[in-house]
Amino acid sequence: MNFLNDERTITAIRNRNEAAINEVITKYSKLLWSVAGAVLNNMGSTQDVEECVADTFIYLWEHPEKYNSQRGKLKTWLSIIARTQAVNRCREIAKQNIIPLEESDFVDQLGIVDTFLEAETRRALLAAVNALGEPDREILIRRYYYDQKPKEIALALDMSVKQVDNRLYQTKLKLRELLSN
């Protein structure tokens, strides 16, 4: 069965026509896969992308009335839903990745060679990092210990990339001040 336009397709889905939803799945799976995959890029697995695409089609099946042809094409609406599903999945993944901080590892990851670093300086650096408030401390650790990009940090902490960059800059200034005293 061929549903020629978006309105007919949505009407058929509202009437629980499985052929209509199957046609939508066939027609838009690759597009939605690429949309979700682009968002989940390095954070999610293939299974996460598949689940986002499947959740998009489930949403369409359960809520066809939410589609408004006046606002755009079905293809666009489904892409937005897939993107939203993927962003939500990224947030879930980021929340699951709680950052355990091994104090000595953190100092080592900053590139400071132990043989040239006195114990007092190590303690001062750790005290300065621990004295930072949240989310500055977490942003610093994610950026320089876990080597996350500002975009990944922004997504995980629900901030803009600009906010992350500004906080990193201000945090480095705070650390310099704390360590110079």
N, C-alpha and C. Protein backbone atom coordinates (compact mmCIF):
# COMPACT_ATOMS: atom_id res chain seq x y z
N MET A 1 0.85 -1.17 0.00
CA MET A 1 0.00 0.00 0.00
C MET A 1 0.89 1.23 0.00
N ASN A 2 0.57 2.22 -0.80
CA ASN A 2 1.41 3.41 -0.90
C ASN A 2 0.65 4.62 -0.39
N PHE A 3 1.13 5.20 0.67
CA PHE A 3 0.51 6.40 1.23
C PHE A 3 1.27 7.58 0.66
N LEU A 4 0.64 8.30 -0.27
CA LEU A 4 1.33 9.28 -1.09
C LEU A 4 1.80 10.51 -0.33
N ASN A 5 1.07 10.95 0.66
CA ASN A 5 1.50 12.15 1.35
C ASN A 5 1.45 11.96 2.86
N ASP A 6 2.00 12.93 3.55
CA ASP A 6 2.11 12.84 5.01
C ASP A 6 0.76 12.76 5.69
N GLU A 7 -0.21 13.52 5.21
CA GLU A 7 -1.54 13.54 5.82
C GLU A 7 -2.21 12.17 5.74
N ARG A 8 -2.11 11.56 4.57
CA ARG A 8 -2.70 10.22 4.40
C ARG A 8 -2.00 9.21 5.31
N THR A 9 -0.71 9.33 5.39
CA THR A 9 0.06 8.41 6.22
C THR A 9 -0.35 8.55 7.69
N ILE A 10 -0.42 9.77 8.17
CA ILE A 10 -0.80 10.01 9.57
C ILE A 10 -2.22 9.53 9.83
N THR A 11 -3.12 9.79 8.91
CA THR A 11 -4.50 9.33 9.06
C THR A 11 -4.54 7.81 9.16
N ALA A 12 -3.78 7.15 8.31
CA ALA A 12 -3.74 5.69 8.34
C ALA A 12 -3.15 5.19 9.66
N ILE A 13 -2.13 5.86 10.17
CA ILE A 13 -1.53 5.45 11.45
C ILE A 13 -2.52 5.69 12.59
N ARG A 14 -3.25 6.79 12.53
CA ARG A 14 -4.29 7.03 13.55
C ARG A 14 -5.32 5.92 13.55
N ASN A 15 -5.59 5.37 12.38
CA ASN A 15 -6.55 4.27 12.24
C ASN A 15 -5.90 2.92 12.50
N ARG A 16 -4.66 2.94 13.00
CA ARG A 16 -3.90 1.75 13.37
C ARG A 16 -3.63 0.82 12.18
N ASN A 17 -3.33 1.43 11.05
CA ASN A 17 -2.98 0.68 9.86
C ASN A 17 -1.49 0.33 9.92
N GLU A 18 -1.19 -0.94 10.15
CA GLU A 18 0.20 -1.37 10.31
C GLU A 18 0.99 -1.22 9.02
N ALA A 19 0.33 -1.31 7.88
CA ALA A 19 1.03 -1.13 6.60
C ALA A 19 1.60 0.29 6.51
N ALA A 20 0.87 1.24 7.04
CA ALA A 20 1.33 2.63 7.01
C ALA A 20 2.58 2.82 7.86
N ILE A 21 2.57 2.28 9.08
CA ILE A 21 3.75 2.44 9.94
C ILE A 21 4.93 1.67 9.36
N ASN A 22 4.67 0.51 8.77
CA ASN A 22 5.75 -0.25 8.14
C ASN A 22 6.37 0.52 6.97
N GLU A 23 5.54 1.23 6.22
CA GLU A 23 6.06 2.03 5.11
C GLU A 23 6.92 3.19 5.63
N VAL A 24 6.47 3.81 6.70
CA VAL A 24 7.25 4.90 7.31
C VAL A 24 8.59 4.36 7.81
N ILE A 25 8.56 3.22 8.45
CA ILE A 25 9.80 2.62 8.96
C ILE A 25 10.76 2.34 7.81
N THR A 26 10.25 1.75 6.75
CA THR A 26 11.09 1.44 5.59
C THR A 26 11.66 2.71 4.96
N LYS A 27 10.81 3.72 4.86
CA LYS A 27 11.20 4.95 4.17
C LYS A 27 12.19 5.79 4.97
N TYR A 28 12.04 5.86 6.30
CA TYR A 28 12.82 6.82 7.08
C TYR A 28 13.86 6.21 8.04
N SER A 29 13.99 4.90 8.09
CA SER A 29 14.94 4.28 9.03
C SER A 29 16.37 4.78 8.84
N LYS A 30 16.84 4.80 7.62
CA LYS A 30 18.23 5.22 7.37
C LYS A 30 18.45 6.68 7.79
N LEU A 31 17.49 7.53 7.46
CA LEU A 31 17.60 8.95 7.83
C LEU A 31 17.68 9.09 9.35
N LEU A 32 16.77 8.43 10.06
CA LEU A 32 16.72 8.57 11.51
C LEU A 32 17.95 7.93 12.16
N TRP A 33 18.44 6.87 11.56
CA TRP A 33 19.68 6.25 12.04
C TRP A 33 20.83 7.25 11.98
N SER A 34 20.94 7.97 10.86
CA SER A 34 22.04 8.93 10.72
C SER A 34 21.86 10.12 11.66
N VAL A 35 20.62 10.54 11.89
CA VAL A 35 20.36 11.65 12.82
C VAL A 35 20.77 11.25 14.24
N ALA A 36 20.28 10.12 14.69
CA ALA A 36 20.59 9.66 16.05
C ALA A 36 22.08 9.33 16.19
N GLY A 37 22.65 8.73 15.15
CA GLY A 37 24.07 8.38 15.18
C GLY A 37 24.96 9.60 15.27
N ALA A 38 24.57 10.68 14.59
CA ALA A 38 25.37 11.92 14.63
C ALA A 38 25.38 12.51 16.04
N VAL A 39 24.26 12.43 16.72
CA VAL A 39 24.18 12.99 18.08
C VAL A 39 24.93 12.10 19.07
N LEU A 40 24.76 10.80 18.94
CA LEU A 40 25.39 9.86 19.88
C LEU A 40 26.85 9.59 19.55
N ASN A 41 27.32 10.08 18.45
CA ASN A 41 28.66 9.92 17.90
C ASN A 41 29.60 9.08 18.76
N ASN A 42 30.27 9.64 19.75
CA ASN A 42 31.26 8.90 20.53
C ASN A 42 30.72 8.42 21.87
N MET A 43 29.52 8.82 22.21
CA MET A 43 29.01 8.50 23.54
C MET A 43 28.22 7.20 23.58
N GLY A 44 27.48 6.93 22.52
CA GLY A 44 26.58 5.79 22.54
C GLY A 44 27.04 4.64 21.68
N SER A 45 26.42 3.50 21.90
CA SER A 45 26.73 2.31 21.12
C SER A 45 25.74 2.19 19.96
N THR A 46 25.96 1.20 19.13
CA THR A 46 25.04 0.91 18.04
C THR A 46 23.65 0.60 18.60
N GLN A 47 23.62 -0.08 19.71
CA GLN A 47 22.35 -0.42 20.35
C GLN A 47 21.61 0.85 20.79
N ASP A 48 22.34 1.84 21.28
CA ASP A 48 21.70 3.10 21.68
C ASP A 48 21.06 3.79 20.48
N VAL A 49 21.76 3.77 19.35
CA VAL A 49 21.22 4.39 18.14
C VAL A 49 19.96 3.64 17.70
N GLU A 50 20.02 2.32 17.70
CA GLU A 50 18.86 1.50 17.32
C GLU A 50 17.67 1.80 18.22
N GLU A 51 17.92 1.91 19.51
CA GLU A 51 16.83 2.18 20.44
C GLU A 51 16.22 3.56 20.21
N CYS A 52 17.04 4.54 19.88
CA CYS A 52 16.52 5.88 19.60
C CYS A 52 15.62 5.86 18.37
N VAL A 53 16.05 5.15 17.34
CA VAL A 53 15.24 5.05 16.11
C VAL A 53 13.94 4.32 16.41
N ALA A 54 14.03 3.19 17.13
CA ALA A 54 12.83 2.44 17.48
C ALA A 54 11.88 3.27 18.33
N ASP A 55 12.43 4.00 19.30
CA ASP A 55 11.61 4.86 20.15
C ASP A 55 10.91 5.95 19.35
N THR A 56 11.55 6.42 18.30
CA THR A 56 10.94 7.43 17.43
C THR A 56 9.71 6.86 16.74
N PHE A 57 9.83 5.66 16.21
CA PHE A 57 8.68 5.04 15.53
C PHE A 57 7.57 4.67 16.53
N ILE A 58 7.97 4.27 17.72
CA ILE A 58 6.97 3.98 18.76
C ILE A 58 6.22 5.26 19.12
N TYR A 59 6.95 6.36 19.24
CA TYR A 59 6.31 7.64 19.53
C TYR A 59 5.30 8.01 18.44
N LEU A 60 5.69 7.82 17.19
CA LEU A 60 4.79 8.10 16.08
C LEU A 60 3.54 7.24 16.18
N TRP A 61 3.69 5.96 16.46
CA TRP A 61 2.57 5.04 16.55
C TRP A 61 1.64 5.42 17.70
N GLU A 62 2.22 5.83 18.83
CA GLU A 62 1.41 6.15 20.01
C GLU A 62 0.84 7.56 19.99
N HIS A 63 1.48 8.48 19.25
CA HIS A 63 1.05 9.89 19.25
C HIS A 63 0.98 10.49 17.85
N PRO A 64 0.28 9.87 16.92
CA PRO A 64 0.23 10.44 15.57
C PRO A 64 -0.48 11.80 15.53
N GLU A 65 -1.32 12.05 16.50
CA GLU A 65 -2.06 13.32 16.55
C GLU A 65 -1.14 14.52 16.82
N LYS A 66 0.05 14.28 17.32
CA LYS A 66 0.97 15.38 17.62
C LYS A 66 1.65 15.93 16.37
N TYR A 67 1.58 15.20 15.28
CA TYR A 67 2.15 15.71 14.02
C TYR A 67 1.24 16.79 13.47
N ASN A 68 1.85 17.92 13.07
CA ASN A 68 1.11 19.04 12.49
C ASN A 68 1.71 19.35 11.12
N SER A 69 0.96 19.05 10.08
CA SER A 69 1.47 19.25 8.71
C SER A 69 1.70 20.72 8.40
N GLN A 70 1.07 21.61 9.15
CA GLN A 70 1.26 23.04 8.95
C GLN A 70 2.67 23.48 9.34
N ARG A 71 3.29 22.73 10.24
CA ARG A 71 4.61 23.11 10.75
C ARG A 71 5.76 22.47 10.01
N GLY A 72 5.50 21.48 9.17
CA GLY A 72 6.58 20.85 8.43
C GLY A 72 6.23 19.46 7.95
N LYS A 73 7.16 18.86 7.27
CA LYS A 73 6.97 17.52 6.73
C LYS A 73 7.12 16.47 7.82
N LEU A 74 6.55 15.32 7.56
CA LEU A 74 6.67 14.18 8.48
C LEU A 74 8.13 13.80 8.68
N LYS A 75 8.88 13.84 7.62
CA LYS A 75 10.31 13.51 7.65
C LYS A 75 11.05 14.42 8.64
N THR A 76 10.75 15.71 8.61
CA THR A 76 11.39 16.68 9.51
C THR A 76 10.97 16.42 10.95
N TRP A 77 9.68 16.17 11.16
CA TRP A 77 9.16 15.94 12.50
C TRP A 77 9.81 14.68 13.11
N LEU A 78 9.90 13.62 12.32
CA LEU A 78 10.53 12.40 12.80
C LEU A 78 12.02 12.61 13.11
N SER A 79 12.68 13.41 12.29
CA SER A 79 14.11 13.72 12.54
C SER A 79 14.29 14.45 13.85
N ILE A 80 13.39 15.37 14.15
CA ILE A 80 13.46 16.12 15.41
C ILE A 80 13.24 15.19 16.59
N ILE A 81 12.27 14.29 16.45
CA ILE A 81 12.01 13.33 17.53
C ILE A 81 13.23 12.43 17.74
N ALA A 82 13.83 11.95 16.65
CA ALA A 82 15.01 11.09 16.76
C ALA A 82 16.17 11.84 17.42
N ARG A 83 16.35 13.10 17.05
CA ARG A 83 17.41 13.90 17.65
C ARG A 83 17.16 14.08 19.15
N THR A 84 15.93 14.36 19.52
CA THR A 84 15.58 14.53 20.93
C THR A 84 15.82 13.24 21.70
N GLN A 85 15.42 12.11 21.11
CA GLN A 85 15.66 10.81 21.75
C GLN A 85 17.16 10.60 21.98
N ALA A 86 17.97 10.95 20.97
CA ALA A 86 19.42 10.76 21.07
C ALA A 86 20.05 11.68 22.12
N VAL A 87 19.60 12.92 22.17
CA VAL A 87 20.11 13.86 23.18
C VAL A 87 19.76 13.35 24.58
N ASN A 88 18.54 12.87 24.75
CA ASN A 88 18.14 12.32 26.05
C ASN A 88 18.99 11.10 26.40
N ARG A 89 19.28 10.27 25.41
CA ARG A 89 20.12 9.09 25.65
C ARG A 89 21.53 9.52 26.06
N CYS A 90 22.06 10.57 25.43
CA CYS A 90 23.39 11.09 25.80
C CYS A 90 23.39 11.53 27.26
N ARG A 91 22.34 12.19 27.66
CA ARG A 91 22.25 12.65 29.05
C ARG A 91 22.22 11.46 30.01
N GLU A 92 21.46 10.42 29.64
CA GLU A 92 21.40 9.22 30.49
C GLU A 92 22.78 8.58 30.60
N ILE A 93 23.47 8.47 29.48
CA ILE A 93 24.81 7.87 29.46
C ILE A 93 25.76 8.69 30.33
N ALA A 94 25.69 10.01 30.20
CA ALA A 94 26.58 10.89 30.96
C ALA A 94 26.31 10.77 32.46
N LYS A 95 25.04 10.63 32.85
CA LYS A 95 24.71 10.49 34.26
C LYS A 95 25.20 9.17 34.83
N GLN A 96 25.23 8.14 33.98
CA GLN A 96 25.71 6.84 34.43
C GLN A 96 27.21 6.82 34.61
N ASN A 97 27.91 7.68 33.89
CA ASN A 97 29.37 7.73 33.96
C ASN A 97 29.80 8.66 35.09
N ILE A 98 29.58 8.22 36.31
CA ILE A 98 30.00 9.00 37.47
C ILE A 98 31.52 9.00 37.52
N ILE A 99 32.06 10.15 37.79
CA ILE A 99 33.51 10.30 37.73
C ILE A 99 34.15 9.91 39.05
N PRO A 100 34.84 8.75 39.08
CA PRO A 100 35.60 8.43 40.28
C PRO A 100 36.97 9.13 40.18
N LEU A 101 37.35 9.80 41.21
CA LEU A 101 38.61 10.55 41.17
C LEU A 101 39.62 9.90 42.09
N GLU A 102 40.61 9.29 41.49
CA GLU A 102 41.74 8.78 42.25
C GLU A 102 42.73 9.94 42.31
N GLU A 103 43.00 10.42 43.49
CA GLU A 103 43.77 11.65 43.63
C GLU A 103 45.12 11.59 42.92
N SER A 104 45.87 10.54 43.13
CA SER A 104 47.20 10.48 42.53
C SER A 104 47.11 10.38 41.01
N ASP A 105 46.13 9.66 40.49
CA ASP A 105 45.96 9.56 39.04
C ASP A 105 45.67 10.91 38.42
N PHE A 106 44.85 11.72 39.08
CA PHE A 106 44.49 13.02 38.54
C PHE A 106 45.72 13.90 38.36
N VAL A 107 46.57 13.94 39.35
CA VAL A 107 47.78 14.75 39.26
C VAL A 107 48.68 14.21 38.15
N ASP A 108 48.80 12.89 38.07
CA ASP A 108 49.62 12.29 37.01
C ASP A 108 49.08 12.63 35.63
N GLN A 109 47.78 12.64 35.46
CA GLN A 109 47.17 12.93 34.16
C GLN A 109 47.36 14.38 33.75
N LEU A 110 47.61 15.26 34.67
CA LEU A 110 47.87 16.65 34.31
C LEU A 110 49.23 16.81 33.64
N GLY A 111 49.97 15.73 33.54
CA GLY A 111 51.25 15.77 32.85
C GLY A 111 52.40 16.18 33.75
N ILE A 112 52.19 16.17 35.04
CA ILE A 112 53.24 16.59 35.98
C ILE A 112 54.05 15.36 36.35
N VAL A 113 55.31 15.41 36.12
CA VAL A 113 56.19 14.27 36.36
C VAL A 113 56.47 14.17 37.85
N ASP A 114 56.20 12.99 38.39
CA ASP A 114 56.34 12.76 39.84
C ASP A 114 57.76 13.03 40.35
N THR A 115 58.75 12.70 39.56
CA THR A 115 60.12 12.84 40.05
C THR A 115 60.49 14.30 40.31
N PHE A 116 59.82 15.23 39.65
CA PHE A 116 60.12 16.64 39.82
C PHE A 116 59.11 17.34 40.73
N LEU A 117 58.22 16.57 41.27
CA LEU A 117 57.13 17.17 42.03
C LEU A 117 57.25 16.77 43.50
N GLU A 118 57.39 17.74 44.35
CA GLU A 118 57.49 17.46 45.77
C GLU A 118 56.11 17.12 46.32
N ALA A 119 56.11 16.39 47.40
CA ALA A 119 54.86 15.95 48.02
C ALA A 119 53.99 17.15 48.43
N GLU A 120 54.60 18.19 48.91
CA GLU A 120 53.84 19.36 49.33
C GLU A 120 53.13 20.02 48.15
N THR A 121 53.78 20.07 47.00
CA THR A 121 53.17 20.66 45.81
C THR A 121 51.99 19.81 45.34
N ARG A 122 52.13 18.49 45.42
CA ARG A 122 51.03 17.59 45.06
C ARG A 122 49.82 17.85 45.95
N ARG A 123 50.08 17.95 47.24
CA ARG A 123 48.97 18.19 48.18
C ARG A 123 48.33 19.54 47.90
N ALA A 124 49.14 20.53 47.59
CA ALA A 124 48.60 21.87 47.30
C ALA A 124 47.71 21.84 46.05
N LEU A 125 48.15 21.12 45.03
CA LEU A 125 47.36 21.03 43.80
C LEU A 125 46.04 20.31 44.06
N LEU A 126 46.10 19.19 44.77
CA LEU A 126 44.88 18.45 45.08
C LEU A 126 43.95 19.29 45.96
N ALA A 127 44.50 19.99 46.92
CA ALA A 127 43.68 20.85 47.78
C ALA A 127 43.02 21.95 46.96
N ALA A 128 43.76 22.52 46.02
CA ALA A 128 43.20 23.58 45.17
C ALA A 128 42.08 23.04 44.29
N VAL A 129 42.28 21.87 43.71
CA VAL A 129 41.24 21.26 42.86
C VAL A 129 40.02 20.93 43.71
N ASN A 130 40.25 20.36 44.89
CA ASN A 130 39.13 19.99 45.76
C ASN A 130 38.42 21.22 46.33
N ALA A 131 39.11 22.35 46.38
CA ALA A 131 38.49 23.57 46.90
C ALA A 131 37.57 24.23 45.88
N LEU A 132 37.69 23.81 44.63
CA LEU A 132 36.82 24.38 43.60
C LEU A 132 35.39 23.94 43.85
N GLY A 133 34.45 24.83 43.59
CA GLY A 133 33.05 24.48 43.72
C GLY A 133 32.57 23.71 42.50
N GLU A 134 31.39 23.14 42.63
CA GLU A 134 30.77 22.46 41.49
C GLU A 134 30.01 23.52 40.70
N PRO A 135 29.93 23.49 39.43
CA PRO A 135 30.39 22.43 38.53
C PRO A 135 31.82 22.64 38.04
N ASP A 136 32.52 23.68 38.55
CA ASP A 136 33.88 23.99 38.07
C ASP A 136 34.82 22.80 38.24
N ARG A 137 34.76 22.17 39.39
CA ARG A 137 35.63 21.03 39.66
C ARG A 137 35.35 19.91 38.66
N GLU A 138 34.07 19.59 38.46
CA GLU A 138 33.72 18.51 37.54
C GLU A 138 34.11 18.85 36.10
N ILE A 139 33.91 20.09 35.70
CA ILE A 139 34.29 20.51 34.34
C ILE A 139 35.79 20.34 34.15
N LEU A 140 36.58 20.79 35.13
CA LEU A 140 38.04 20.67 35.05
C LEU A 140 38.46 19.21 34.95
N ILE A 141 37.89 18.37 35.77
CA ILE A 141 38.24 16.95 35.78
C ILE A 141 37.84 16.29 34.46
N ARG A 142 36.63 16.59 33.99
CA ARG A 142 36.19 16.01 32.72
C ARG A 142 37.09 16.45 31.57
N ARG A 143 37.53 17.71 31.58
CA ARG A 143 38.31 18.23 30.46
C ARG A 143 39.76 17.72 30.48
N TYR A 144 40.41 17.80 31.64
CA TYR A 144 41.83 17.52 31.69
C TYR A 144 42.19 16.12 32.20
N TYR A 145 41.28 15.47 32.90
CA TYR A 145 41.56 14.12 33.36
C TYR A 145 40.97 13.09 32.39
N TYR A 146 39.70 13.31 32.01
CA TYR A 146 39.03 12.39 31.10
C TYR A 146 39.13 12.82 29.64
N ASP A 147 39.75 13.96 29.39
CA ASP A 147 39.99 14.45 28.03
C ASP A 147 38.71 14.55 27.21
N GLN A 148 37.61 15.00 27.86
CA GLN A 148 36.36 15.19 27.14
C GLN A 148 36.38 16.54 26.45
N LYS A 149 35.75 16.62 25.31
CA LYS A 149 35.63 17.87 24.57
C LYS A 149 34.60 18.75 25.27
N PRO A 150 34.73 20.08 25.15
CA PRO A 150 33.75 20.98 25.77
C PRO A 150 32.31 20.67 25.35
N LYS A 151 32.13 20.23 24.11
CA LYS A 151 30.79 19.89 23.63
C LYS A 151 30.21 18.71 24.42
N GLU A 152 31.04 17.70 24.69
CA GLU A 152 30.59 16.54 25.47
C GLU A 152 30.28 16.95 26.91
N ILE A 153 31.12 17.79 27.47
CA ILE A 153 30.91 18.26 28.84
C ILE A 153 29.61 19.06 28.91
N ALA A 154 29.41 19.94 27.94
CA ALA A 154 28.20 20.77 27.91
C ALA A 154 26.96 19.89 27.87
N LEU A 155 26.98 18.87 27.06
CA LEU A 155 25.84 17.97 26.93
C LEU A 155 25.60 17.22 28.23
N ALA A 156 26.67 16.73 28.84
CA ALA A 156 26.55 15.95 30.08
C ALA A 156 26.04 16.80 31.24
N LEU A 157 26.43 18.07 31.28
CA LEU A 157 26.07 18.93 32.41
C LEU A 157 24.93 19.89 32.07
N ASP A 158 24.35 19.70 30.90
CA ASP A 158 23.22 20.52 30.46
C ASP A 158 23.57 22.01 30.48
N MET A 159 24.70 22.33 29.84
CA MET A 159 25.18 23.70 29.74
C MET A 159 25.48 23.98 28.27
N SER A 160 25.71 25.25 27.95
CA SER A 160 26.15 25.57 26.59
C SER A 160 27.67 25.40 26.52
N VAL A 161 28.18 25.21 25.31
CA VAL A 161 29.62 25.07 25.11
C VAL A 161 30.32 26.35 25.58
N LYS A 162 29.73 27.48 25.31
CA LYS A 162 30.30 28.77 25.72
C LYS A 162 30.44 28.84 27.25
N GLN A 163 29.40 28.35 27.96
CA GLN A 163 29.47 28.35 29.42
C GLN A 163 30.61 27.45 29.91
N VAL A 164 30.77 26.30 29.29
CA VAL A 164 31.85 25.38 29.67
C VAL A 164 33.21 26.04 29.44
N ASP A 165 33.38 26.64 28.25
CA ASP A 165 34.65 27.32 27.95
C ASP A 165 34.94 28.44 28.95
N ASN A 166 33.93 29.24 29.25
CA ASN A 166 34.10 30.34 30.21
C ASN A 166 34.46 29.81 31.60
N ARG A 167 33.77 28.75 32.02
CA ARG A 167 34.05 28.19 33.34
C ARG A 167 35.46 27.58 33.41
N LEU A 168 35.90 26.96 32.33
CA LEU A 168 37.27 26.42 32.29
C LEU A 168 38.29 27.54 32.43
N TYR A 169 38.08 28.62 31.70
CA TYR A 169 38.99 29.76 31.76
C TYR A 169 39.03 30.32 33.18
N GLN A 170 37.85 30.57 33.77
CA GLN A 170 37.79 31.13 35.12
C GLN A 170 38.39 30.16 36.15
N THR A 171 38.16 28.87 35.96
CA THR A 171 38.69 27.87 36.89
C THR A 171 40.21 27.84 36.84
N LYS A 172 40.78 27.94 35.65
CA LYS A 172 42.25 27.96 35.55
C LYS A 172 42.83 29.20 36.24
N LEU A 173 42.13 30.33 36.10
CA LEU A 173 42.57 31.53 36.81
C LEU A 173 42.52 31.32 38.33
N LYS A 174 41.43 30.70 38.81
CA LYS A 174 41.30 30.42 40.24
C LYS A 174 42.42 29.51 40.73
N LEU A 175 42.72 28.47 39.94
CA LEU A 175 43.79 27.55 40.32
C LEU A 175 45.13 28.26 40.39
N ARG A 176 45.43 29.10 39.42
CA ARG A 176 46.69 29.86 39.45
C ARG A 176 46.78 30.69 40.72
N GLU A 177 45.65 31.34 41.04
CA GLU A 177 45.65 32.20 42.24
C GLU A 177 45.82 31.36 43.50
N LEU A 178 45.10 30.24 43.59
CA LEU A 178 45.21 29.38 44.77
C LEU A 178 46.62 28.81 44.92
N LEU A 179 47.23 28.44 43.81
CA LEU A 179 48.56 27.82 43.86
C LEU A 179 49.68 28.84 44.04
N SER A 180 49.44 30.09 43.68
CA SER A 180 50.49 31.10 43.83
C SER A 180 50.57 31.60 45.26
N ASN A 181 49.56 31.36 46.06
CA ASN A 181 49.56 31.81 47.46
C ASN A 181 50.23 30.84 48.37
